[in-house]
PDB file of all heavy atoms in Angstrom:
ATOM      1  N   ASN A   1      -2.376  -2.795 -13.038  1.00  0.00           N
ATOM      2  CA  ASN A   1      -3.081  -2.959 -11.780  1.00  0.00           C
ATOM      3  C   ASN A   1      -4.526  -2.207 -11.872  1.00  0.00           C
ATOM      4  O   ASN A   1      -4.777  -1.425 -12.749  1.00  0.00           O
ATOM      5  CB  ASN A   1      -2.295  -2.333 -10.716  1.00  0.00           C
ATOM      6  CG  ASN A   1      -1.975  -0.843 -10.955  1.00  0.00           C
ATOM      7  OD1 ASN A   1      -2.711   0.063 -10.645  1.00  0.00           O
ATOM      8  ND2 ASN A   1      -0.820  -0.608 -11.529  1.00  0.00           N
ATOM      9  N   LEU A   2      -5.343  -2.552 -10.980  1.00  0.00           N
ATOM     10  CA  LEU A   2      -6.697  -2.144 -10.944  1.00  0.00           C
ATOM     11  C   LEU A   2      -6.803  -0.587 -10.651  1.00  0.00           C
ATOM     12  O   LEU A   2      -7.911  -0.021 -11.026  1.00  0.00           O
ATOM     13  CB  LEU A   2      -7.557  -2.896  -9.961  1.00  0.00           C
ATOM     14  CG  LEU A   2      -7.582  -4.368 -10.093  1.00  0.00           C
ATOM     15  CD1 LEU A   2      -8.322  -5.041  -8.969  1.00  0.00           C
ATOM     16  CD2 LEU A   2      -8.218  -4.776 -11.458  1.00  0.00           C
ATOM     17  N   LYS A   3      -5.906   0.031 -10.058  1.00  0.00           N
ATOM     18  CA  LYS A   3      -5.891   1.498  -9.816  1.00  0.00           C
ATOM     19  C   LYS A   3      -5.375   2.353 -10.926  1.00  0.00           C
ATOM     20  O   LYS A   3      -5.423   3.601 -10.910  1.00  0.00           O
ATOM     21  CB  LYS A   3      -5.165   1.762  -8.550  1.00  0.00           C
ATOM     22  CG  LYS A   3      -5.718   1.044  -7.295  1.00  0.00           C
ATOM     23  CD  LYS A   3      -6.937   1.663  -6.701  1.00  0.00           C
ATOM     24  CE  LYS A   3      -7.330   1.121  -5.382  1.00  0.00           C
ATOM     25  NZ  LYS A   3      -8.484   1.718  -4.803  1.00  0.00           N
ATOM     26  N   GLY A   4      -4.691   1.632 -11.885  1.00  0.00           N
ATOM     27  CA  GLY A   4      -4.116   2.401 -12.932  1.00  0.00           C
ATOM     28  C   GLY A   4      -2.939   3.216 -12.468  1.00  0.00           C
ATOM     29  O   GLY A   4      -2.556   4.331 -13.148  1.00  0.00           O
ATOM     30  N   ILE A   5      -2.236   2.884 -11.453  1.00  0.00           N
ATOM     31  CA  ILE A   5      -1.073   3.502 -10.872  1.00  0.00           C
ATOM     32  C   ILE A   5       0.233   3.038 -11.612  1.00  0.00           C
ATOM     33  O   ILE A   5       0.460   1.850 -11.650  1.00  0.00           O
ATOM     34  CB  ILE A   5      -0.906   3.264  -9.407  1.00  0.00           C
ATOM     35  CG1 ILE A   5      -2.202   3.879  -8.647  1.00  0.00           C
ATOM     36  CG2 ILE A   5       0.275   4.037  -8.853  1.00  0.00           C
ATOM     37  CD1 ILE A   5      -2.273   3.506  -7.198  1.00  0.00           C
ATOM     38  N   ALA A   6       0.993   3.925 -12.127  1.00  0.00           N
ATOM     39  CA  ALA A   6       2.112   3.552 -12.971  1.00  0.00           C
ATOM     40  C   ALA A   6       3.274   3.109 -12.146  1.00  0.00           C
ATOM     41  O   ALA A   6       4.096   2.208 -12.516  1.00  0.00           O
ATOM     42  CB  ALA A   6       2.612   4.756 -13.787  1.00  0.00           C
ATOM     43  N   SER A   7       3.320   3.655 -10.886  1.00  0.00           N
ATOM     44  CA  SER A   7       4.510   3.296  -9.914  1.00  0.00           C
ATOM     45  C   SER A   7       4.279   2.194  -9.059  1.00  0.00           C
ATOM     46  O   SER A   7       3.367   2.241  -8.195  1.00  0.00           O
ATOM     47  CB  SER A   7       4.989   4.537  -9.241  1.00  0.00           C
ATOM     48  OG  SER A   7       5.827   4.259  -8.185  1.00  0.00           O
ATOM     49  N   ALA A   8       4.995   1.068  -9.198  1.00  0.00           N
ATOM     50  CA  ALA A   8       4.862  -0.043  -8.294  1.00  0.00           C
ATOM     51  C   ALA A   8       5.254   0.426  -6.784  1.00  0.00           C
ATOM     52  O   ALA A   8       4.660  -0.153  -5.886  1.00  0.00           O
ATOM     53  CB  ALA A   8       5.654  -1.207  -8.719  1.00  0.00           C
ATOM     54  N   THR A   9       6.222   1.270  -6.748  1.00  0.00           N
ATOM     55  CA  THR A   9       6.700   1.769  -5.406  1.00  0.00           C
ATOM     56  C   THR A   9       5.511   2.510  -4.756  1.00  0.00           C
ATOM     57  O   THR A   9       5.337   2.305  -3.499  1.00  0.00           O
ATOM     58  CB  THR A   9       7.908   2.717  -5.644  1.00  0.00           C
ATOM     59  OG1 THR A   9       8.886   2.044  -6.328  1.00  0.00           O
ATOM     60  CG2 THR A   9       8.400   3.157  -4.244  1.00  0.00           C
ATOM     61  N   GLN A  10       4.762   3.300  -5.528  1.00  0.00           N
ATOM     62  CA  GLN A  10       3.687   3.929  -4.928  1.00  0.00           C
ATOM     63  C   GLN A  10       2.590   3.051  -4.442  1.00  0.00           C
ATOM     64  O   GLN A  10       2.006   3.203  -3.367  1.00  0.00           O
ATOM     65  CB  GLN A  10       3.035   4.916  -5.967  1.00  0.00           C
ATOM     66  CG  GLN A  10       1.868   5.801  -5.379  1.00  0.00           C
ATOM     67  CD  GLN A  10       2.283   6.637  -4.245  1.00  0.00           C
ATOM     68  OE1 GLN A  10       3.227   7.449  -4.330  1.00  0.00           O
ATOM     69  NE2 GLN A  10       1.687   6.575  -3.092  1.00  0.00           N
ATOM     70  N   ILE A  11       2.391   1.913  -5.258  1.00  0.00           N
ATOM     71  CA  ILE A  11       1.369   1.036  -4.786  1.00  0.00           C
ATOM     72  C   ILE A  11       1.781   0.361  -3.511  1.00  0.00           C
ATOM     73  O   ILE A  11       1.027   0.153  -2.676  1.00  0.00           O
ATOM     74  CB  ILE A  11       1.206  -0.031  -5.913  1.00  0.00           C
ATOM     75  CG1 ILE A  11       0.530   0.564  -7.172  1.00  0.00           C
ATOM     76  CG2 ILE A  11       0.352  -1.233  -5.434  1.00  0.00           C
ATOM     77  CD1 ILE A  11       0.429  -0.332  -8.342  1.00  0.00           C
ATOM     78  N   ALA A  12       3.116  -0.073  -3.410  1.00  0.00           N
ATOM     79  CA  ALA A  12       3.633  -0.651  -2.232  1.00  0.00           C
ATOM     80  C   ALA A  12       3.408   0.234  -1.062  1.00  0.00           C
ATOM     81  O   ALA A  12       2.981  -0.244   0.125  1.00  0.00           O
ATOM     82  CB  ALA A  12       5.041  -1.019  -2.425  1.00  0.00           C
ATOM     83  N   GLU A  13       3.719   1.548  -1.150  1.00  0.00           N
ATOM     84  CA  GLU A  13       3.495   2.526  -0.137  1.00  0.00           C
ATOM     85  C   GLU A  13       2.037   2.610   0.297  1.00  0.00           C
ATOM     86  O   GLU A  13       1.708   2.575   1.438  1.00  0.00           O
ATOM     87  CB  GLU A  13       3.986   3.830  -0.510  1.00  0.00           C
ATOM     88  CG  GLU A  13       5.615   3.998  -0.631  1.00  0.00           C
ATOM     89  CD  GLU A  13       6.198   4.067   0.763  1.00  0.00           C
ATOM     90  OE1 GLU A  13       5.614   3.647   1.743  1.00  0.00           O
ATOM     91  OE2 GLU A  13       7.337   4.649   0.797  1.00  0.00           O
ATOM     92  N   ASP A  14       1.218   2.727  -0.659  1.00  0.00           N
ATOM     93  CA  ASP A  14      -0.264   2.680  -0.343  1.00  0.00           C
ATOM     94  C   ASP A  14      -0.752   1.517   0.398  1.00  0.00           C
ATOM     95  O   ASP A  14      -1.479   1.600   1.428  1.00  0.00           O
ATOM     96  CB  ASP A  14      -1.027   2.801  -1.645  1.00  0.00           C
ATOM     97  CG  ASP A  14      -0.940   4.196  -2.348  1.00  0.00           C
ATOM     98  OD1 ASP A  14      -0.299   5.051  -1.726  1.00  0.00           O
ATOM     99  OD2 ASP A  14      -1.428   4.291  -3.490  1.00  0.00           O
ATOM    100  N   ILE A  15      -0.268   0.274  -0.053  1.00  0.00           N
ATOM    101  CA  ILE A  15      -0.659  -0.962   0.620  1.00  0.00           C
ATOM    102  C   ILE A  15      -0.142  -0.933   2.027  1.00  0.00           C
ATOM    103  O   ILE A  15      -0.906  -1.263   3.023  1.00  0.00           O
ATOM    104  CB  ILE A  15      -0.170  -2.188  -0.146  1.00  0.00           C
ATOM    105  CG1 ILE A  15      -0.948  -2.330  -1.449  1.00  0.00           C
ATOM    106  CG2 ILE A  15      -0.232  -3.443   0.722  1.00  0.00           C
ATOM    107  CD1 ILE A  15      -0.505  -3.333  -2.428  1.00  0.00           C
ATOM    108  N   ARG A  16       1.091  -0.612   2.303  1.00  0.00           N
ATOM    109  CA  ARG A  16       1.717  -0.484   3.622  1.00  0.00           C
ATOM    110  C   ARG A  16       0.889   0.425   4.557  1.00  0.00           C
ATOM    111  O   ARG A  16       0.590   0.113   5.639  1.00  0.00           O
ATOM    112  CB  ARG A  16       3.087  -0.187   3.633  1.00  0.00           C
ATOM    113  CG  ARG A  16       3.993  -1.204   2.888  1.00  0.00           C
ATOM    114  CD  ARG A  16       5.472  -0.842   2.850  1.00  0.00           C
ATOM    115  NE  ARG A  16       6.010  -0.610   4.216  1.00  0.00           N
ATOM    116  CZ  ARG A  16       6.450   0.520   4.731  1.00  0.00           C
ATOM    117  NH1 ARG A  16       6.392   1.643   3.965  1.00  0.00           N
ATOM    118  NH2 ARG A  16       6.911   0.654   5.903  1.00  0.00           N
ATOM    119  N   ALA A  17       0.484   1.529   4.042  1.00  0.00           N
ATOM    120  CA  ALA A  17      -0.158   2.548   4.729  1.00  0.00           C
ATOM    121  C   ALA A  17      -1.653   1.988   5.117  1.00  0.00           C
ATOM    122  O   ALA A  17      -2.087   2.215   6.293  1.00  0.00           O
ATOM    123  CB  ALA A  17      -0.353   3.819   3.993  1.00  0.00           C
ATOM    124  N   ARG A  18      -2.273   1.344   4.243  1.00  0.00           N
ATOM    125  CA  ARG A  18      -3.589   0.795   4.464  1.00  0.00           C
ATOM    126  C   ARG A  18      -3.541  -0.364   5.504  1.00  0.00           C
ATOM    127  O   ARG A  18      -4.402  -0.485   6.349  1.00  0.00           O
ATOM    128  CB  ARG A  18      -4.254   0.328   3.182  1.00  0.00           C
ATOM    129  CG  ARG A  18      -4.759   1.443   2.324  1.00  0.00           C
ATOM    130  CD  ARG A  18      -5.591   0.996   1.188  1.00  0.00           C
ATOM    131  NE  ARG A  18      -6.698   0.130   1.673  1.00  0.00           N
ATOM    132  CZ  ARG A  18      -7.484  -0.519   0.816  1.00  0.00           C
ATOM    133  NH1 ARG A  18      -7.374  -0.495  -0.542  1.00  0.00           N
ATOM    134  NH2 ARG A  18      -8.584  -1.209   1.332  1.00  0.00           N
ATOM    135  N   ILE A  19      -2.578  -1.151   5.464  1.00  0.00           N
ATOM    136  CA  ILE A  19      -2.381  -2.216   6.366  1.00  0.00           C
ATOM    137  C   ILE A  19      -2.197  -1.673   7.767  1.00  0.00           C
ATOM    138  O   ILE A  19      -2.808  -2.122   8.780  1.00  0.00           O
ATOM    139  CB  ILE A  19      -1.115  -3.088   6.105  1.00  0.00           C
ATOM    140  CG1 ILE A  19      -1.406  -3.977   4.811  1.00  0.00           C
ATOM    141  CG2 ILE A  19      -0.754  -4.021   7.237  1.00  0.00           C
ATOM    142  CD1 ILE A  19      -0.211  -4.793   4.258  1.00  0.00           C
ATOM    143  N   ARG A  20      -1.342  -0.632   7.871  1.00  0.00           N
ATOM    144  CA  ARG A  20      -1.173   0.026   9.194  1.00  0.00           C
ATOM    145  C   ARG A  20      -2.506   0.625   9.743  1.00  0.00           C
ATOM    146  O   ARG A  20      -2.862   0.525  10.886  1.00  0.00           O
ATOM    147  CB  ARG A  20      -0.092   1.126   9.115  1.00  0.00           C
ATOM    148  CG  ARG A  20       0.145   1.850  10.365  1.00  0.00           C
ATOM    149  CD  ARG A  20       1.072   3.026  10.284  1.00  0.00           C
ATOM    150  NE  ARG A  20       2.429   2.659   9.838  1.00  0.00           N
ATOM    151  CZ  ARG A  20       3.364   2.304  10.713  1.00  0.00           C
ATOM    152  NH1 ARG A  20       3.109   2.348  11.996  1.00  0.00           N
ATOM    153  NH2 ARG A  20       4.529   2.030  10.312  1.00  0.00           N
ATOM    154  N   ALA A  21      -3.252   1.256   8.845  1.00  0.00           N
ATOM    155  CA  ALA A  21      -4.454   1.985   9.213  1.00  0.00           C
ATOM    156  C   ALA A  21      -5.553   0.996   9.598  1.00  0.00           C
ATOM    157  O   ALA A  21      -6.346   1.190  10.555  1.00  0.00           O
ATOM    158  CB  ALA A  21      -4.962   2.943   8.147  1.00  0.00           C
ATOM    159  N   GLU A  22      -5.619  -0.132   8.848  1.00  0.00           N
ATOM    160  CA  GLU A  22      -6.816  -1.089   8.972  1.00  0.00           C
ATOM    161  C   GLU A  22      -6.556  -2.175  10.003  1.00  0.00           C
ATOM    162  O   GLU A  22      -7.464  -2.751  10.500  1.00  0.00           O
ATOM    163  CB  GLU A  22      -7.238  -1.620   7.599  1.00  0.00           C
ATOM    164  CG  GLU A  22      -7.711  -0.498   6.694  1.00  0.00           C
ATOM    165  CD  GLU A  22      -8.071  -0.996   5.320  1.00  0.00           C
ATOM    166  OE1 GLU A  22      -8.465  -2.177   5.201  1.00  0.00           O
ATOM    167  OE2 GLU A  22      -8.022  -0.172   4.311  1.00  0.00           O
ATOM    168  N   THR A  23      -5.261  -2.481  10.176  1.00  0.00           N
ATOM    169  CA  THR A  23      -4.973  -3.597  11.173  1.00  0.00           C
ATOM    170  C   THR A  23      -4.022  -3.213  12.307  1.00  0.00           C
ATOM    171  O   THR A  23      -3.875  -4.044  13.170  1.00  0.00           O
ATOM    172  CB  THR A  23      -4.263  -4.712  10.399  1.00  0.00           C
ATOM    173  OG1 THR A  23      -2.873  -4.379   9.969  1.00  0.00           O
ATOM    174  CG2 THR A  23      -4.968  -5.189   9.123  1.00  0.00           C
ATOM    175  N   GLN A  24      -3.578  -1.950  12.278  1.00  0.00           N
ATOM    176  CA  GLN A  24      -2.587  -1.545  13.332  1.00  0.00           C
ATOM    177  C   GLN A  24      -1.335  -2.387  13.370  1.00  0.00           C
ATOM    178  O   GLN A  24      -0.727  -2.500  14.391  1.00  0.00           O
ATOM    179  CB  GLN A  24      -3.280  -1.506  14.709  1.00  0.00           C
ATOM    180  CG  GLN A  24      -4.390  -0.410  14.794  1.00  0.00           C
ATOM    181  CD  GLN A  24      -5.658  -0.931  14.155  1.00  0.00           C
ATOM    182  OE1 GLN A  24      -6.176  -1.897  14.484  1.00  0.00           O
ATOM    183  NE2 GLN A  24      -6.148  -0.096  13.236  1.00  0.00           N
ATOM    184  N   LEU A  25      -0.996  -3.009  12.209  1.00  0.00           N
ATOM    185  CA  LEU A  25       0.246  -3.739  12.104  1.00  0.00           C
ATOM    186  C   LEU A  25       1.108  -3.173  10.990  1.00  0.00           C
ATOM    187  O   LEU A  25       0.647  -2.432  10.159  1.00  0.00           O
ATOM    188  CB  LEU A  25      -0.148  -5.185  11.732  1.00  0.00           C
ATOM    189  CG  LEU A  25      -1.031  -5.983  12.720  1.00  0.00           C
ATOM    190  CD1 LEU A  25      -1.403  -7.357  12.121  1.00  0.00           C
ATOM    191  CD2 LEU A  25      -0.213  -6.194  13.971  1.00  0.00           C
ATOM    192  N   THR A  26       2.366  -3.533  10.926  1.00  0.00           N
ATOM    193  CA  THR A  26       3.339  -2.955   9.940  1.00  0.00           C
ATOM    194  C   THR A  26       3.743  -4.115   8.992  1.00  0.00           C
ATOM    195  O   THR A  26       3.717  -5.277   9.421  1.00  0.00           O
ATOM    196  CB  THR A  26       4.504  -2.417  10.614  1.00  0.00           C
ATOM    197  OG1 THR A  26       5.303  -3.437  11.328  1.00  0.00           O
ATOM    198  CG2 THR A  26       4.228  -1.294  11.643  1.00  0.00           C
ATOM    199  N   ALA A  27       4.074  -3.678   7.763  1.00  0.00           N
ATOM    200  CA  ALA A  27       4.484  -4.676   6.810  1.00  0.00           C
ATOM    201  C   ALA A  27       5.735  -4.054   6.068  1.00  0.00           C
ATOM    202  O   ALA A  27       5.854  -2.853   5.921  1.00  0.00           O
ATOM    203  CB  ALA A  27       3.424  -4.889   5.752  1.00  0.00           C
ATOM    204  N   SER A  28       6.622  -4.954   5.696  1.00  0.00           N
ATOM    205  CA  SER A  28       7.757  -4.482   4.813  1.00  0.00           C
ATOM    206  C   SER A  28       7.471  -4.893   3.475  1.00  0.00           C
ATOM    207  O   SER A  28       6.781  -5.853   3.159  1.00  0.00           O
ATOM    208  CB  SER A  28       9.045  -5.110   5.387  1.00  0.00           C
ATOM    209  OG  SER A  28       9.341  -4.655   6.671  1.00  0.00           O
TER     210      SER A  28
END
């Protein structure tokens, strides 16, 4: 990945947090 993050779980958490912050919507 472009961030060099080893944990896919961490990436998923980061993406979910950004979606919430930038769109005010939730994702699973």
